[in-house]
Amino acid sequence: MQTKPGQPHSPDTAARRREGVRLIAPAAERNLGPILEVVALHAPIQGLALELASGTGQHAAAICRAHPGLSWQPTDLDDTTFESIAAWGVHLGTANLRPAALLDAGRPGWGITRAPVDLVLAVNLLHLITEAEARAALHGMAEVLAPGGVALIYGPFLRADGHASAGDAAFDAHLRAQGHGAGYKPEALIRDMWQEAGLTVTRHEMPASNLMFAGRRAVPAA
């Protein structure tokens, strides 16, 4: 797959397999269950949801099926995955999955160009982009939230005492050696940026040394 400037270099790209039009990423298969559990803790019953870097569409379709009251907007920087995203929606019978749209979540200011959303989700994004792009993604996720909305981000992160495992250390070194500016980001970056943006942040431990953060925007007092 041709990589566009600034596009995440996903380690799952080579491992993806195909069932007809649908692309299947092994990482999405493994982490879907735990992600669904945390989304269920924070997602509103109804509203508009925005997903960054939707990839194959596996998460988008599964979350849509579990939350039929959410109108789900998948996005990606790579439009070659859009056919797969739509096919996953058809496969799981999700009427609330919108057509995918192009969005560069690493571009500063993207959050103010979109309508406010009730939920925004990013899975396995920050470690595949530069620190500047990660800051733009986090800022945009906070900026796009409607009052009472929640931002959710999942992935591997650097802890206060370093990597959570030897496998994480090796993968982080591999990403940094590619020279694209990718690499694990400190978990403090998420907490600090979202708290500064006025969000209340919750941290969830996830399988395989991953973390998931939820940042909720308060509803202004009447």
C-alpha atoms as a PDB file:
ATOM      1  CA  MET A   1       0.000   0.000   0.000  1.00  0.00           C
ATOM      2  CA  GLN A   2       1.306   3.413  -0.919  1.00  0.00           C
ATOM      3  CA  THR A   3       1.784   5.542   2.179  1.00  0.00           C
ATOM      4  CA  LYS A   4       0.690   9.170   2.032  1.00  0.00           C
ATOM      5  CA  PRO A   5       2.756  11.900   3.716  1.00  0.00           C
ATOM      6  CA  GLY A   6       2.093  11.863   7.431  1.00  0.00           C
ATOM      7  CA  GLN A   7       0.076   8.626   7.229  1.00  0.00           C
ATOM      8  CA  PRO A   8       0.583   6.129  10.081  1.00  0.00           C
ATOM      9  CA  HIS A   9       2.794   3.184   9.167  1.00  0.00           C
ATOM     10  CA  SER A  10       0.673   0.403  10.629  1.00  0.00           C
ATOM     11  CA  PRO A  11       2.409  -2.861  11.609  1.00  0.00           C
ATOM     12  CA  ASP A  12      -0.841  -4.644  10.747  1.00  0.00           C
ATOM     13  CA  THR A  13      -0.771  -3.643   7.088  1.00  0.00           C
ATOM     14  CA  ALA A  14       1.258  -6.635   5.935  1.00  0.00           C
ATOM     15  CA  ALA A  15      -0.605  -9.018   8.255  1.00  0.00           C
ATOM     16  CA  ARG A  16      -4.085  -8.043   7.050  1.00  0.00           C
ATOM     17  CA  ARG A  17      -6.010 -10.746   5.285  1.00  0.00           C
ATOM     18  CA  ARG A  18      -9.006 -10.365   3.026  1.00  0.00           C
ATOM     19  CA  GLU A  19     -12.432 -11.988   2.993  1.00  0.00           C
ATOM     20  CA  GLY A  20     -13.937 -10.659  -0.197  1.00  0.00           C
ATOM     21  CA  VAL A  21     -13.967  -6.882   0.123  1.00  0.00           C
ATOM     22  CA  ARG A  22     -13.551  -6.963   3.901  1.00  0.00           C
ATOM     23  CA  LEU A  23     -10.042  -6.485   5.293  1.00  0.00           C
ATOM     24  CA  ILE A  24      -9.253  -8.204   8.588  1.00  0.00           C
ATOM     25  CA  ALA A  25      -6.498  -6.921  10.888  1.00  0.00           C
ATOM     26  CA  PRO A  26      -5.356  -9.460  13.511  1.00  0.00           C
ATOM     27  CA  ALA A  27      -4.859  -6.734  16.140  1.00  0.00           C
ATOM     28  CA  ALA A  28      -8.459  -5.568  15.688  1.00  0.00           C
ATOM     29  CA  GLU A  29      -9.674  -9.122  16.168  1.00  0.00           C
ATOM     30  CA  ARG A  30      -7.711  -9.444  19.408  1.00  0.00           C
ATOM     31  CA  ASN A  31      -8.623  -6.148  21.041  1.00  0.00           C
ATOM     32  CA  LEU A  32     -12.242  -5.779  19.915  1.00  0.00           C
ATOM     33  CA  GLY A  33     -13.837  -7.445  22.955  1.00  0.00           C
ATOM     34  CA  PRO A  34     -12.026  -5.394  25.625  1.00  0.00           C
ATOM     35  CA  ILE A  35     -12.567  -2.172  23.653  1.00  0.00           C
ATOM     36  CA  LEU A  36     -16.302  -2.879  23.366  1.00  0.00           C
ATOM     37  CA  GLU A  37     -16.465  -3.317  27.152  1.00  0.00           C
ATOM     38  CA  VAL A  38     -14.917   0.087  27.857  1.00  0.00           C
ATOM     39  CA  VAL A  39     -16.923   1.839  25.150  1.00  0.00           C
ATOM     40  CA  ALA A  40     -20.074   0.474  26.807  1.00  0.00           C
ATOM     41  CA  LEU A  41     -19.040   2.147  30.089  1.00  0.00           C
ATOM     42  CA  HIS A  42     -18.773   5.610  28.549  1.00  0.00           C
ATOM     43  CA  ALA A  43     -20.821   5.831  25.345  1.00  0.00           C
ATOM     44  CA  PRO A  44     -24.103   7.755  25.301  1.00  0.00           C
ATOM     45  CA  ILE A  45     -27.287   5.899  24.397  1.00  0.00           C
ATOM     46  CA  GLN A  46     -27.684   8.047  21.325  1.00  0.00           C
ATOM     47  CA  GLY A  47     -25.851  10.781  19.485  1.00  0.00           C
ATOM     48  CA  LEU A  48     -23.153  11.389  16.882  1.00  0.00           C
ATOM     49  CA  ALA A  49     -19.875   9.471  17.113  1.00  0.00           C
ATOM     50  CA  LEU A  50     -16.626  10.106  15.228  1.00  0.00           C
ATOM     51  CA  GLU A  51     -13.891   7.504  14.783  1.00  0.00           C
ATOM     52  CA  LEU A  52     -10.337   8.468  13.811  1.00  0.00           C
ATOM     53  CA  ALA A  53      -8.142   6.151  11.746  1.00  0.00           C
ATOM     54  CA  SER A  54     -10.920   3.583  11.264  1.00  0.00           C
ATOM     55  CA  GLY A  55      -8.694   1.247   9.237  1.00  0.00           C
ATOM     56  CA  THR A  56     -10.412  -1.964   8.174  1.00  0.00           C
ATOM     57  CA  GLY A  57     -13.764  -0.981   9.730  1.00  0.00           C
ATOM     58  CA  GLN A  58     -13.919  -3.920  12.151  1.00  0.00           C
ATOM     59  CA  HIS A  59     -14.277  -1.724  15.227  1.00  0.00           C
ATOM     60  CA  ALA A  60     -16.691   0.680  13.578  1.00  0.00           C
ATOM     61  CA  ALA A  61     -19.148  -2.008  12.508  1.00  0.00           C
ATOM     62  CA  ALA A  62     -18.983  -3.934  15.785  1.00  0.00           C
ATOM     63  CA  ILE A  63     -19.529  -0.832  17.921  1.00  0.00           C
ATOM     64  CA  CYS A  64     -22.390   0.255  15.666  1.00  0.00           C
ATOM     65  CA  ARG A  65     -24.096  -3.089  16.168  1.00  0.00           C
ATOM     66  CA  ALA A  66     -23.641  -2.831  19.953  1.00  0.00           C
ATOM     67  CA  HIS A  67     -24.837   0.823  20.079  1.00  0.00           C
ATOM     68  CA  PRO A  68     -27.646   1.262  17.542  1.00  0.00           C
ATOM     69  CA  GLY A  69     -28.525   4.696  18.935  1.00  0.00           C
ATOM     70  CA  LEU A  70     -25.182   6.132  17.809  1.00  0.00           C
ATOM     71  CA  SER A  71     -24.764   7.535  14.317  1.00  0.00           C
ATOM     72  CA  TRP A  72     -21.179   6.449  13.611  1.00  0.00           C
ATOM     73  CA  GLN A  73     -18.870   8.456  11.344  1.00  0.00           C
ATOM     74  CA  PRO A  74     -15.740   6.465  10.401  1.00  0.00           C
ATOM     75  CA  THR A  75     -12.753   8.374   9.002  1.00  0.00           C
ATOM     76  CA  ASP A  76      -9.253   7.621   7.805  1.00  0.00           C
ATOM     77  CA  LEU A  77      -6.357   9.252   6.024  1.00  0.00           C
ATOM     78  CA  ASP A  78      -6.255   6.279   3.628  1.00  0.00           C
ATOM     79  CA  ASP A  79      -9.322   6.093   1.395  1.00  0.00           C
ATOM     80  CA  THR A  80      -8.352   2.633   0.096  1.00  0.00           C
ATOM     81  CA  THR A  81      -9.920   1.177   3.272  1.00  0.00           C
ATOM     82  CA  PHE A  82     -13.325   2.789   2.704  1.00  0.00           C
ATOM     83  CA  GLU A  83     -14.706  -0.143   0.725  1.00  0.00           C
ATOM     84  CA  SER A  84     -13.755  -2.496   3.561  1.00  0.00           C
ATOM     85  CA  ILE A  85     -15.407  -0.240   6.160  1.00  0.00           C
ATOM     86  CA  ALA A  86     -18.662  -0.229   4.192  1.00  0.00           C
ATOM     87  CA  ALA A  87     -18.472  -3.990   3.668  1.00  0.00           C
ATOM     88  CA  TRP A  88     -18.106  -4.591   7.403  1.00  0.00           C
ATOM     89  CA  GLY A  89     -21.235  -2.528   7.980  1.00  0.00           C
ATOM     90  CA  VAL A  90     -23.154  -4.670   5.498  1.00  0.00           C
ATOM     91  CA  HIS A  91     -21.712  -7.875   6.961  1.00  0.00           C
ATOM     92  CA  LEU A  92     -22.894  -7.017  10.490  1.00  0.00           C
ATOM     93  CA  GLY A  93     -26.122  -5.387   9.373  1.00  0.00           C
ATOM     94  CA  THR A  94     -25.439  -1.954  10.856  1.00  0.00           C
ATOM     95  CA  ALA A  95     -27.826   0.728   9.648  1.00  0.00           C
ATOM     96  CA  ASN A  96     -26.139   3.417  11.767  1.00  0.00           C
ATOM     97  CA  LEU A  97     -22.712   3.294  10.057  1.00  0.00           C
ATOM     98  CA  ARG A  98     -22.170   6.346   7.862  1.00  0.00           C
ATOM     99  CA  PRO A  99     -20.017   6.325   4.706  1.00  0.00           C
ATOM    100  CA  ALA A 100     -16.346   6.808   5.608  1.00  0.00           C
ATOM    101  CA  ALA A 101     -14.782  10.244   5.160  1.00  0.00           C
ATOM    102  CA  LEU A 102     -11.222  11.473   4.737  1.00  0.00           C
ATOM    103  CA  LEU A 103      -9.726  13.030   7.851  1.00  0.00           C
ATOM    104  CA  ASP A 104      -6.114  13.723   8.803  1.00  0.00           C
ATOM    105  CA  ALA A 105      -6.266  13.582  12.595  1.00  0.00           C
ATOM    106  CA  GLY A 106      -2.646  14.715  12.817  1.00  0.00           C
ATOM    107  CA  ARG A 107      -3.412  18.064  11.195  1.00  0.00           C
ATOM    108  CA  PRO A 108      -3.743  20.949  13.671  1.00  0.00           C
ATOM    109  CA  GLY A 109      -7.183  22.536  13.797  1.00  0.00           C
ATOM    110  CA  TRP A 110      -9.242  19.657  12.412  1.00  0.00           C
ATOM    111  CA  GLY A 111     -11.476  19.627  15.500  1.00  0.00           C
ATOM    112  CA  ILE A 112     -12.987  23.014  14.767  1.00  0.00           C
ATOM    113  CA  THR A 113     -13.863  22.054  11.186  1.00  0.00           C
ATOM    114  CA  ARG A 114     -16.387  19.385  12.218  1.00  0.00           C
ATOM    115  CA  ALA A 115     -19.765  19.449  13.923  1.00  0.00           C
ATOM    116  CA  PRO A 116     -19.629  18.726  17.676  1.00  0.00           C
ATOM    117  CA  VAL A 117     -19.850  15.017  18.499  1.00  0.00           C
ATOM    118  CA  ASP A 118     -21.009  13.054  21.525  1.00  0.00           C
ATOM    119  CA  LEU A 119     -18.216  10.479  21.268  1.00  0.00           C
ATOM    120  CA  VAL A 120     -14.859  10.375  19.509  1.00  0.00           C
ATOM    121  CA  LEU A 121     -12.697   7.239  19.378  1.00  0.00           C
ATOM    122  CA  ALA A 122      -9.123   6.518  18.277  1.00  0.00           C
ATOM    123  CA  VAL A 123      -7.599   3.033  18.431  1.00  0.00           C
ATOM    124  CA  ASN A 124      -3.891   2.312  17.963  1.00  0.00           C
ATOM    125  CA  LEU A 125      -3.085   5.691  16.481  1.00  0.00           C
ATOM    126  CA  LEU A 126      -0.701   7.723  18.646  1.00  0.00           C
ATOM    127  CA  HIS A 127       2.286   5.357  18.569  1.00  0.00           C
ATOM    128  CA  LEU A 128       2.174   5.331  14.750  1.00  0.00           C
ATOM    129  CA  ILE A 129       2.452   9.107  14.272  1.00  0.00           C
ATOM    130  CA  THR A 130       4.835  11.864  15.340  1.00  0.00           C
ATOM    131  CA  GLU A 131       4.558  13.689  18.657  1.00  0.00           C
ATOM    132  CA  ALA A 132       3.371  16.845  16.893  1.00  0.00           C
ATOM    133  CA  GLU A 133       0.662  14.852  15.110  1.00  0.00           C
ATOM    134  CA  ALA A 134      -0.290  13.134  18.362  1.00  0.00           C
ATOM    135  CA  ARG A 135      -0.743  16.493  20.063  1.00  0.00           C
ATOM    136  CA  ALA A 136      -2.919  17.664  17.165  1.00  0.00           C
ATOM    137  CA  ALA A 137      -5.005  14.493  17.395  1.00  0.00           C
ATOM    138  CA  LEU A 138      -5.510  14.816  21.160  1.00  0.00           C
ATOM    139  CA  HIS A 139      -6.314  18.526  20.943  1.00  0.00           C
ATOM    140  CA  GLY A 140      -8.788  17.907  18.143  1.00  0.00           C
ATOM    141  CA  MET A 141     -10.487  15.103  20.056  1.00  0.00           C
ATOM    142  CA  ALA A 142     -11.102  17.452  22.975  1.00  0.00           C
ATOM    143  CA  GLU A 143     -12.081  20.338  20.717  1.00  0.00           C
ATOM    144  CA  VAL A 144     -14.710  18.402  18.763  1.00  0.00           C
ATOM    145  CA  LEU A 145     -16.636  17.217  21.846  1.00  0.00           C
ATOM    146  CA  ALA A 146     -20.105  18.527  22.572  1.00  0.00           C
ATOM    147  CA  PRO A 147     -20.980  19.272  26.230  1.00  0.00           C
ATOM    148  CA  GLY A 148     -21.236  15.929  28.011  1.00  0.00           C
ATOM    149  CA  GLY A 149     -19.329  14.194  25.214  1.00  0.00           C
ATOM    150  CA  VAL A 150     -16.546  11.680  25.742  1.00  0.00           C
ATOM    151  CA  ALA A 151     -13.240  11.025  23.959  1.00  0.00           C
ATOM    152  CA  LEU A 152     -11.774   7.515  24.032  1.00  0.00           C
ATOM    153  CA  ILE A 153      -8.250   6.567  23.015  1.00  0.00           C
ATOM    154  CA  TYR A 154      -6.675   3.092  23.095  1.00  0.00           C
ATOM    155  CA  GLY A 155      -3.156   1.843  22.518  1.00  0.00           C
ATOM    156  CA  PRO A 156       0.279   1.156  23.989  1.00  0.00           C
ATOM    157  CA  PHE A 157       1.845   3.994  25.969  1.00  0.00           C
ATOM    158  CA  LEU A 158       4.955   4.772  27.955  1.00  0.00           C
ATOM    159  CA  ARG A 159       4.262   4.575  31.690  1.00  0.00           C
ATOM    160  CA  ALA A 160       5.869   6.808  34.299  1.00  0.00           C
ATOM    161  CA  ASP A 161       8.510   4.107  34.863  1.00  0.00           C
ATOM    162  CA  GLY A 162       9.034   3.288  31.196  1.00  0.00           C
ATOM    163  CA  HIS A 163       7.747   0.474  28.997  1.00  0.00           C
ATOM    164  CA  ALA A 164       5.223  -1.945  30.453  1.00  0.00           C
ATOM    165  CA  SER A 165       6.989  -4.995  28.986  1.00  0.00           C
ATOM    166  CA  ALA A 166      10.038  -6.119  27.060  1.00  0.00           C
ATOM    167  CA  GLY A 167       7.802  -6.626  24.035  1.00  0.00           C
ATOM    168  CA  ASP A 168       6.675  -3.012  24.233  1.00  0.00           C
ATOM    169  CA  ALA A 169      10.259  -1.813  24.461  1.00  0.00           C
ATOM    170  CA  ALA A 170      11.203  -3.842  21.383  1.00  0.00           C
ATOM    171  CA  PHE A 171       8.214  -2.644  19.350  1.00  0.00           C
ATOM    172  CA  ASP A 172       8.819   0.978  20.321  1.00  0.00           C
ATOM    173  CA  ALA A 173      12.461   0.663  19.256  1.00  0.00           C
ATOM    174  CA  HIS A 174      11.323  -0.841  15.941  1.00  0.00           C
ATOM    175  CA  LEU A 175       8.946   2.065  15.289  1.00  0.00           C
ATOM    176  CA  ARG A 176      11.571   4.681  16.116  1.00  0.00           C
ATOM    177  CA  ALA A 177      14.173   2.961  13.926  1.00  0.00           C
ATOM    178  CA  GLN A 178      11.955   3.467  10.851  1.00  0.00           C
ATOM    179  CA  GLY A 179      12.714   7.185  10.995  1.00  0.00           C
ATOM    180  CA  HIS A 180       9.167   8.449  10.444  1.00  0.00           C
ATOM    181  CA  GLY A 181       8.869  10.020  13.913  1.00  0.00           C
ATOM    182  CA  ALA A 182       6.612   7.262  15.230  1.00  0.00           C
ATOM    183  CA  GLY A 183       7.013   5.787  18.705  1.00  0.00           C
ATOM    184  CA  TYR A 184       5.244   5.308  22.020  1.00  0.00           C
ATOM    185  CA  LYS A 185       3.886   8.457  23.660  1.00  0.00           C
ATOM    186  CA  PRO A 186       3.870   9.016  27.457  1.00  0.00           C
ATOM    187  CA  GLU A 187       0.514   8.344  29.062  1.00  0.00           C
ATOM    188  CA  ALA A 188       0.978  11.660  30.880  1.00  0.00           C
ATOM    189  CA  LEU A 189       0.619  13.409  27.513  1.00  0.00           C
ATOM    190  CA  ILE A 190      -2.995  12.279  27.212  1.00  0.00           C
ATOM    191  CA  ARG A 191      -3.876  13.139  30.787  1.00  0.00           C
ATOM    192  CA  ASP A 192      -2.149  16.538  30.747  1.00  0.00           C
ATOM    193  CA  MET A 193      -3.547  17.681  27.394  1.00  0.00           C
ATOM    194  CA  TRP A 194      -7.097  16.563  28.082  1.00  0.00           C
ATOM    195  CA  GLN A 195      -7.188  17.963  31.594  1.00  0.00           C
ATOM    196  CA  GLU A 196      -5.848  21.262  30.272  1.00  0.00           C
ATOM    197  CA  ALA A 197      -8.704  21.180  27.728  1.00  0.00           C
ATOM    198  CA  GLY A 198     -11.213  20.818  30.575  1.00  0.00           C
ATOM    199  CA  LEU A 199     -11.902  17.088  30.328  1.00  0.00           C
ATOM    200  CA  THR A 200     -12.223  14.710  33.278  1.00  0.00           C
ATOM    201  CA  VAL A 201      -9.908  11.782  32.514  1.00  0.00           C
ATOM    202  CA  THR A 202     -10.361   8.113  33.433  1.00  0.00           C
ATOM    203  CA  ARG A 203      -7.684   5.460  32.815  1.00  0.00           C
ATOM    204  CA  HIS A 204      -8.420   1.788  32.050  1.00  0.00           C
ATOM    205  CA  GLU A 205      -5.868  -1.018  32.095  1.00  0.00           C
ATOM    206  CA  MET A 206      -6.326  -3.238  29.045  1.00  0.00           C
ATOM    207  CA  PRO A 207      -4.969  -6.650  27.967  1.00  0.00           C
ATOM    208  CA  ALA A 208      -1.475  -6.992  26.482  1.00  0.00           C
ATOM    209  CA  SER A 209      -0.131  -3.976  28.420  1.00  0.00           C
ATOM    210  CA  ASN A 210      -2.366  -1.516  26.575  1.00  0.00           C
ATOM    211  CA  LEU A 211      -4.309   1.369  28.095  1.00  0.00           C
ATOM    212  CA  MET A 212      -7.543   3.138  27.285  1.00  0.00           C
ATOM    213  CA  PHE A 213      -8.293   6.702  28.361  1.00  0.00           C
ATOM    214  CA  ALA A 214     -11.689   8.353  28.534  1.00  0.00           C
ATOM    215  CA  GLY A 215     -11.938  12.140  28.648  1.00  0.00           C
ATOM    216  CA  ARG A 216     -15.385  13.612  29.352  1.00  0.00           C
ATOM    217  CA  ARG A 217     -16.446  17.182  28.816  1.00  0.00           C
ATOM    218  CA  ALA A 218     -18.712  18.538  31.539  1.00  0.00           C
ATOM    219  CA  VAL A 219     -22.203  19.828  30.861  1.00  0.00           C
ATOM    220  CA  PRO A 220     -22.319  23.548  31.730  1.00  0.00           C
ATOM    221  CA  ALA A 221     -24.473  24.396  34.736  1.00  0.00           C
ATOM    222  CA  ALA A 222     -27.858  25.824  33.837  1.00  0.00           C
END
